[in-house]
Amino acid sequence: MHTQFMYLISSCVSDSIARCLGVKTVSQRSLDLTKEHPIHSCVVSDKTAVDACVKFLDDHHHLVQPACGASLAAVYHPDVLHNLQQQGKLPAHLDRVVVIVCGGSVVTVELLNKWKKEFGL
């Protein structure tokens, strides 16, 4: 995240299926945290997020929504972390990767299957 400009702005909300990731304006607290901790943004496709949801369900038998799948993509799609490393945003060697898994109350097996079909997974 570029910290040259540190004020809140409003933007259009994403048309991603990971709707809870899109907000018009971040909170002041979120903006303040960027001054205390390094924040590195990474965008993955809806297909990649859904694929990670499917793989997580297969591995752990828990449904999660695509917003969580976007985070899980770092584990299930090694190119995500590799790209961040290539850009110098992450160290070249990582001992551990931690992903906080949450969300899933709005996802059903039927909905996940619909997304799988939609994205050809």
N, C-alpha and C. Protein backbone atom coordinates (compact mmCIF):
# COMPACT_ATOMS: atom_id res chain seq x y z
N MET A 1 0.85 -1.17 0.00
CA MET A 1 0.00 0.00 0.00
C MET A 1 0.89 1.23 0.00
N HIS A 2 0.58 2.16 -0.85
CA HIS A 2 1.32 3.42 -0.86
C HIS A 2 0.83 4.28 0.30
N THR A 3 1.76 4.75 1.10
CA THR A 3 1.38 5.55 2.26
C THR A 3 1.70 7.02 2.06
N GLN A 4 1.94 7.40 0.83
CA GLN A 4 2.21 8.79 0.53
C GLN A 4 0.98 9.66 0.85
N PHE A 5 -0.18 9.16 0.53
CA PHE A 5 -1.42 9.88 0.79
C PHE A 5 -2.16 9.14 1.89
N MET A 6 -2.39 9.78 3.01
CA MET A 6 -2.98 9.09 4.15
C MET A 6 -4.30 9.75 4.57
N TYR A 7 -5.28 9.67 3.69
CA TYR A 7 -6.59 10.18 4.03
C TYR A 7 -7.63 9.28 3.40
N LEU A 8 -8.83 9.33 3.94
CA LEU A 8 -9.89 8.46 3.48
C LEU A 8 -10.54 9.00 2.22
N ILE A 9 -10.80 8.10 1.28
CA ILE A 9 -11.54 8.46 0.08
C ILE A 9 -12.62 7.41 -0.12
N SER A 10 -13.58 7.70 -0.93
CA SER A 10 -14.61 6.73 -1.28
C SER A 10 -14.35 6.24 -2.70
N SER A 11 -14.66 4.98 -2.93
CA SER A 11 -14.50 4.42 -4.27
C SER A 11 -15.70 3.54 -4.57
N CYS A 12 -15.76 3.07 -5.80
CA CYS A 12 -16.86 2.18 -6.16
C CYS A 12 -16.61 0.81 -5.55
N VAL A 13 -17.66 0.10 -5.28
CA VAL A 13 -17.55 -1.23 -4.68
C VAL A 13 -17.30 -2.24 -5.80
N SER A 14 -16.48 -3.22 -5.52
CA SER A 14 -16.12 -4.26 -6.48
C SER A 14 -17.32 -5.07 -6.91
N ASP A 15 -17.25 -5.62 -8.11
CA ASP A 15 -18.30 -6.51 -8.58
C ASP A 15 -17.91 -7.98 -8.40
N SER A 16 -16.95 -8.23 -7.54
CA SER A 16 -16.50 -9.58 -7.24
C SER A 16 -17.59 -10.35 -6.49
N ILE A 17 -17.51 -11.68 -6.57
CA ILE A 17 -18.43 -12.49 -5.78
C ILE A 17 -18.04 -12.45 -4.30
N ALA A 18 -16.83 -12.00 -4.01
CA ALA A 18 -16.38 -11.82 -2.62
C ALA A 18 -16.82 -10.43 -2.16
N ARG A 19 -18.11 -10.26 -2.06
CA ARG A 19 -18.70 -8.94 -1.82
C ARG A 19 -18.25 -8.28 -0.52
N CYS A 20 -18.01 -9.06 0.50
CA CYS A 20 -17.65 -8.44 1.79
C CYS A 20 -16.24 -7.85 1.77
N LEU A 21 -15.47 -8.09 0.71
CA LEU A 21 -14.15 -7.47 0.60
C LEU A 21 -14.24 -6.06 0.04
N GLY A 22 -15.34 -5.73 -0.59
CA GLY A 22 -15.47 -4.42 -1.22
C GLY A 22 -16.23 -3.45 -0.33
N VAL A 23 -15.57 -2.36 0.01
CA VAL A 23 -16.21 -1.31 0.79
C VAL A 23 -15.98 0.02 0.08
N LYS A 24 -16.89 0.94 0.30
CA LYS A 24 -16.73 2.25 -0.32
C LYS A 24 -15.62 3.06 0.35
N THR A 25 -15.52 2.93 1.67
CA THR A 25 -14.51 3.67 2.42
C THR A 25 -14.03 2.80 3.58
N VAL A 26 -12.72 2.71 3.76
CA VAL A 26 -12.20 1.97 4.91
C VAL A 26 -12.38 2.81 6.16
N SER A 27 -12.34 2.16 7.29
CA SER A 27 -12.49 2.88 8.56
C SER A 27 -11.21 3.65 8.88
N GLN A 28 -11.35 4.66 9.70
CA GLN A 28 -10.18 5.43 10.12
C GLN A 28 -9.19 4.52 10.84
N ARG A 29 -9.68 3.58 11.65
CA ARG A 29 -8.80 2.67 12.38
C ARG A 29 -7.99 1.81 11.40
N SER A 30 -8.63 1.34 10.35
CA SER A 30 -7.90 0.55 9.35
C SER A 30 -6.80 1.38 8.71
N LEU A 31 -7.10 2.60 8.39
CA LEU A 31 -6.10 3.49 7.82
C LEU A 31 -4.96 3.71 8.81
N ASP A 32 -5.29 3.93 10.08
CA ASP A 32 -4.27 4.14 11.11
C ASP A 32 -3.35 2.92 11.24
N LEU A 33 -3.90 1.73 11.11
CA LEU A 33 -3.10 0.51 11.23
C LEU A 33 -2.05 0.39 10.13
N THR A 34 -2.30 1.01 8.98
CA THR A 34 -1.31 0.96 7.91
C THR A 34 -0.05 1.73 8.29
N LYS A 35 -0.15 2.60 9.27
CA LYS A 35 1.02 3.34 9.74
C LYS A 35 1.83 2.50 10.72
N GLU A 36 1.19 1.51 11.34
CA GLU A 36 1.84 0.67 12.35
C GLU A 36 2.35 -0.65 11.79
N HIS A 37 1.72 -1.14 10.74
CA HIS A 37 2.05 -2.46 10.21
C HIS A 37 2.16 -2.39 8.69
N PRO A 38 3.10 -3.15 8.12
CA PRO A 38 3.18 -3.17 6.66
C PRO A 38 1.96 -3.89 6.07
N ILE A 39 1.36 -3.28 5.10
CA ILE A 39 0.19 -3.85 4.43
C ILE A 39 0.54 -4.05 2.96
N HIS A 40 0.34 -5.25 2.46
CA HIS A 40 0.63 -5.54 1.06
C HIS A 40 -0.63 -6.11 0.42
N SER A 41 -1.17 -5.38 -0.47
CA SER A 41 -2.38 -5.78 -1.15
C SER A 41 -2.06 -6.78 -2.26
N CYS A 42 -2.96 -7.73 -2.43
CA CYS A 42 -2.82 -8.72 -3.49
C CYS A 42 -4.22 -9.06 -3.98
N VAL A 43 -4.43 -8.98 -5.25
CA VAL A 43 -5.75 -9.27 -5.84
C VAL A 43 -5.69 -10.62 -6.53
N VAL A 44 -6.67 -11.46 -6.24
CA VAL A 44 -6.80 -12.73 -6.95
C VAL A 44 -8.15 -12.76 -7.64
N SER A 45 -8.26 -13.56 -8.66
CA SER A 45 -9.52 -13.66 -9.41
C SER A 45 -10.58 -14.39 -8.59
N ASP A 46 -11.83 -14.17 -8.95
CA ASP A 46 -12.92 -14.92 -8.31
C ASP A 46 -12.71 -16.42 -8.51
N LYS A 47 -12.25 -16.81 -9.68
CA LYS A 47 -12.01 -18.24 -9.96
C LYS A 47 -10.98 -18.80 -8.99
N THR A 48 -9.90 -18.07 -8.75
CA THR A 48 -8.87 -18.53 -7.83
C THR A 48 -9.41 -18.62 -6.40
N ALA A 49 -10.21 -17.63 -6.00
CA ALA A 49 -10.80 -17.63 -4.66
C ALA A 49 -11.75 -18.81 -4.49
N VAL A 50 -12.58 -19.07 -5.48
CA VAL A 50 -13.52 -20.20 -5.41
C VAL A 50 -12.76 -21.52 -5.40
N ASP A 51 -11.73 -21.63 -6.21
CA ASP A 51 -10.92 -22.84 -6.23
C ASP A 51 -10.32 -23.12 -4.85
N ALA A 52 -9.84 -22.08 -4.19
CA ALA A 52 -9.29 -22.25 -2.84
C ALA A 52 -10.38 -22.68 -1.86
N CYS A 53 -11.60 -22.16 -2.01
CA CYS A 53 -12.73 -22.59 -1.16
C CYS A 53 -13.00 -24.08 -1.35
N VAL A 54 -12.99 -24.52 -2.60
CA VAL A 54 -13.25 -25.93 -2.91
C VAL A 54 -12.16 -26.81 -2.30
N LYS A 55 -10.91 -26.41 -2.46
CA LYS A 55 -9.80 -27.20 -1.92
C LYS A 55 -9.82 -27.23 -0.40
N PHE A 56 -10.18 -26.10 0.21
CA PHE A 56 -10.28 -26.06 1.67
C PHE A 56 -11.40 -26.98 2.16
N LEU A 57 -12.52 -26.98 1.46
CA LEU A 57 -13.62 -27.89 1.81
C LEU A 57 -13.17 -29.34 1.70
N ASP A 58 -12.47 -29.67 0.62
CA ASP A 58 -11.97 -31.03 0.45
C ASP A 58 -11.00 -31.43 1.56
N ASP A 59 -10.12 -30.50 1.94
CA ASP A 59 -9.09 -30.79 2.94
C ASP A 59 -9.61 -30.78 4.38
N HIS A 60 -10.52 -29.84 4.68
CA HIS A 60 -10.90 -29.62 6.08
C HIS A 60 -12.39 -29.75 6.37
N HIS A 61 -13.19 -30.01 5.35
CA HIS A 61 -14.63 -30.24 5.52
C HIS A 61 -15.36 -29.05 6.14
N HIS A 62 -14.91 -27.84 5.77
CA HIS A 62 -15.56 -26.61 6.23
C HIS A 62 -15.82 -25.71 5.03
N LEU A 63 -17.03 -25.19 4.97
CA LEU A 63 -17.38 -24.24 3.91
C LEU A 63 -16.91 -22.84 4.31
N VAL A 64 -16.31 -22.13 3.36
CA VAL A 64 -15.95 -20.74 3.56
C VAL A 64 -16.40 -19.96 2.34
N GLN A 65 -16.59 -18.68 2.51
CA GLN A 65 -17.03 -17.86 1.39
C GLN A 65 -15.83 -17.36 0.60
N PRO A 66 -16.05 -16.86 -0.62
CA PRO A 66 -14.94 -16.45 -1.48
C PRO A 66 -14.01 -15.39 -0.89
N ALA A 67 -14.49 -14.55 0.00
CA ALA A 67 -13.59 -13.58 0.64
C ALA A 67 -12.50 -14.31 1.41
N CYS A 68 -12.85 -15.38 2.08
CA CYS A 68 -11.87 -16.20 2.77
C CYS A 68 -11.02 -16.96 1.75
N GLY A 69 -11.65 -17.43 0.69
CA GLY A 69 -10.92 -18.12 -0.37
C GLY A 69 -9.84 -17.25 -0.97
N ALA A 70 -10.06 -15.94 -1.01
CA ALA A 70 -9.04 -15.02 -1.52
C ALA A 70 -7.79 -15.09 -0.65
N SER A 71 -7.96 -15.20 0.66
CA SER A 71 -6.82 -15.36 1.56
C SER A 71 -6.21 -16.75 1.44
N LEU A 72 -7.07 -17.76 1.35
CA LEU A 72 -6.59 -19.13 1.23
C LEU A 72 -5.83 -19.37 -0.08
N ALA A 73 -6.04 -18.51 -1.06
CA ALA A 73 -5.32 -18.65 -2.34
C ALA A 73 -3.82 -18.59 -2.12
N ALA A 74 -3.39 -17.91 -1.08
CA ALA A 74 -1.96 -17.83 -0.77
C ALA A 74 -1.39 -19.21 -0.45
N VAL A 75 -2.22 -20.10 0.07
CA VAL A 75 -1.79 -21.45 0.44
C VAL A 75 -2.01 -22.42 -0.72
N TYR A 76 -3.14 -22.31 -1.38
CA TYR A 76 -3.49 -23.27 -2.43
C TYR A 76 -2.96 -22.90 -3.81
N HIS A 77 -2.51 -21.70 -3.98
CA HIS A 77 -1.93 -21.26 -5.27
C HIS A 77 -0.58 -20.60 -4.97
N PRO A 78 0.50 -21.39 -4.97
CA PRO A 78 1.82 -20.88 -4.58
C PRO A 78 2.28 -19.65 -5.36
N ASP A 79 1.75 -19.45 -6.55
CA ASP A 79 2.16 -18.28 -7.34
C ASP A 79 1.78 -16.98 -6.65
N VAL A 80 0.76 -17.00 -5.80
CA VAL A 80 0.34 -15.78 -5.09
C VAL A 80 1.47 -15.31 -4.18
N LEU A 81 1.97 -16.19 -3.33
CA LEU A 81 3.08 -15.83 -2.45
C LEU A 81 4.35 -15.55 -3.25
N HIS A 82 4.59 -16.35 -4.26
CA HIS A 82 5.78 -16.17 -5.08
C HIS A 82 5.80 -14.77 -5.72
N ASN A 83 4.67 -14.33 -6.23
CA ASN A 83 4.59 -13.00 -6.84
C ASN A 83 4.91 -11.91 -5.80
N LEU A 84 4.39 -12.06 -4.59
CA LEU A 84 4.68 -11.08 -3.54
C LEU A 84 6.16 -11.10 -3.18
N GLN A 85 6.76 -12.28 -3.19
CA GLN A 85 8.20 -12.38 -2.92
C GLN A 85 9.00 -11.73 -4.04
N GLN A 86 8.61 -11.97 -5.28
CA GLN A 86 9.30 -11.39 -6.43
C GLN A 86 9.22 -9.86 -6.41
N GLN A 87 8.12 -9.34 -5.89
CA GLN A 87 7.93 -7.89 -5.82
C GLN A 87 8.63 -7.28 -4.60
N GLY A 88 9.26 -8.13 -3.78
CA GLY A 88 9.96 -7.65 -2.60
C GLY A 88 9.04 -7.31 -1.44
N LYS A 89 7.78 -7.73 -1.51
CA LYS A 89 6.82 -7.46 -0.44
C LYS A 89 6.88 -8.49 0.68
N LEU A 90 7.43 -9.67 0.37
CA LEU A 90 7.61 -10.73 1.37
C LEU A 90 9.04 -11.23 1.28
N PRO A 91 9.58 -11.77 2.39
CA PRO A 91 10.92 -12.35 2.36
C PRO A 91 10.98 -13.52 1.38
N ALA A 92 12.16 -13.78 0.85
CA ALA A 92 12.34 -14.88 -0.11
C ALA A 92 12.05 -16.23 0.53
N HIS A 93 12.32 -16.37 1.82
CA HIS A 93 12.07 -17.63 2.51
C HIS A 93 11.04 -17.39 3.62
N LEU A 94 10.01 -18.21 3.63
CA LEU A 94 8.97 -18.13 4.66
C LEU A 94 8.92 -19.45 5.41
N ASP A 95 9.10 -19.41 6.72
CA ASP A 95 9.01 -20.63 7.52
C ASP A 95 7.57 -21.09 7.67
N ARG A 96 6.67 -20.12 7.84
CA ARG A 96 5.26 -20.42 8.07
C ARG A 96 4.39 -19.39 7.37
N VAL A 97 3.23 -19.85 6.98
CA VAL A 97 2.22 -18.94 6.45
C VAL A 97 0.95 -19.19 7.26
N VAL A 98 0.41 -18.15 7.83
CA VAL A 98 -0.79 -18.27 8.65
C VAL A 98 -1.94 -17.58 7.91
N VAL A 99 -3.05 -18.28 7.81
CA VAL A 99 -4.25 -17.71 7.20
C VAL A 99 -5.36 -17.81 8.23
N ILE A 100 -5.97 -16.69 8.54
CA ILE A 100 -7.11 -16.70 9.46
C ILE A 100 -8.35 -17.04 8.64
N VAL A 101 -8.98 -18.16 9.01
CA VAL A 101 -10.12 -18.67 8.26
C VAL A 101 -11.40 -18.28 8.98
N CYS A 102 -12.25 -17.59 8.28
CA CYS A 102 -13.54 -17.19 8.86
C CYS A 102 -14.55 -17.04 7.74
N GLY A 103 -15.78 -16.93 8.11
CA GLY A 103 -16.83 -16.71 7.12
C GLY A 103 -17.28 -17.99 6.47
N GLY A 104 -18.51 -18.07 6.18
CA GLY A 104 -19.05 -19.24 5.53
C GLY A 104 -20.53 -19.38 5.78
N SER A 105 -21.07 -18.48 6.57
CA SER A 105 -22.49 -18.61 6.93
C SER A 105 -23.42 -18.39 5.74
N VAL A 106 -22.92 -17.74 4.69
CA VAL A 106 -23.78 -17.48 3.54
C VAL A 106 -23.52 -18.47 2.40
N VAL A 107 -22.60 -19.41 2.61
CA VAL A 107 -22.23 -20.35 1.55
C VAL A 107 -22.89 -21.70 1.81
N THR A 108 -23.38 -22.28 0.76
CA THR A 108 -23.93 -23.63 0.80
C THR A 108 -23.16 -24.49 -0.21
N VAL A 109 -23.29 -25.78 -0.09
CA VAL A 109 -22.66 -26.67 -1.06
C VAL A 109 -23.22 -26.39 -2.45
N GLU A 110 -24.52 -26.12 -2.52
CA GLU A 110 -25.15 -25.82 -3.81
C GLU A 110 -24.56 -24.56 -4.43
N LEU A 111 -24.36 -23.53 -3.63
CA LEU A 111 -23.79 -22.29 -4.13
C LEU A 111 -22.33 -22.50 -4.57
N LEU A 112 -21.57 -23.25 -3.79
CA LEU A 112 -20.19 -23.53 -4.17
C LEU A 112 -20.16 -24.32 -5.48
N ASN A 113 -21.05 -25.27 -5.63
CA ASN A 113 -21.12 -26.04 -6.88
C ASN A 113 -21.50 -25.15 -8.06
N LYS A 114 -22.38 -24.18 -7.83
CA LYS A 114 -22.76 -23.22 -8.88
C LYS A 114 -21.54 -22.43 -9.32
N TRP A 115 -20.75 -21.95 -8.36
CA TRP A 115 -19.53 -21.20 -8.69
C TRP A 115 -18.51 -22.07 -9.40
N LYS A 116 -18.37 -23.33 -8.96
CA LYS A 116 -17.45 -24.24 -9.61
C LYS A 116 -17.82 -24.38 -11.08
N LYS A 117 -19.09 -24.56 -11.35
CA LYS A 117 -19.55 -24.69 -12.73
C LYS A 117 -19.32 -23.40 -13.51
N GLU A 118 -19.65 -22.27 -12.87
CA GLU A 118 -19.48 -20.97 -13.52
C GLU A 118 -18.03 -20.71 -13.93
N PHE A 119 -17.08 -21.15 -13.10
CA PHE A 119 -15.66 -20.90 -13.38
C PHE A 119 -14.94 -22.09 -14.00
N GLY A 120 -15.69 -23.13 -14.32
CA GLY A 120 -15.09 -24.29 -14.98
C GLY A 120 -14.11 -25.06 -14.13
N LEU A 121 -14.44 -25.19 -12.85
CA LEU A 121 -13.56 -25.92 -11.93
C LEU A 121 -14.02 -27.35 -11.73
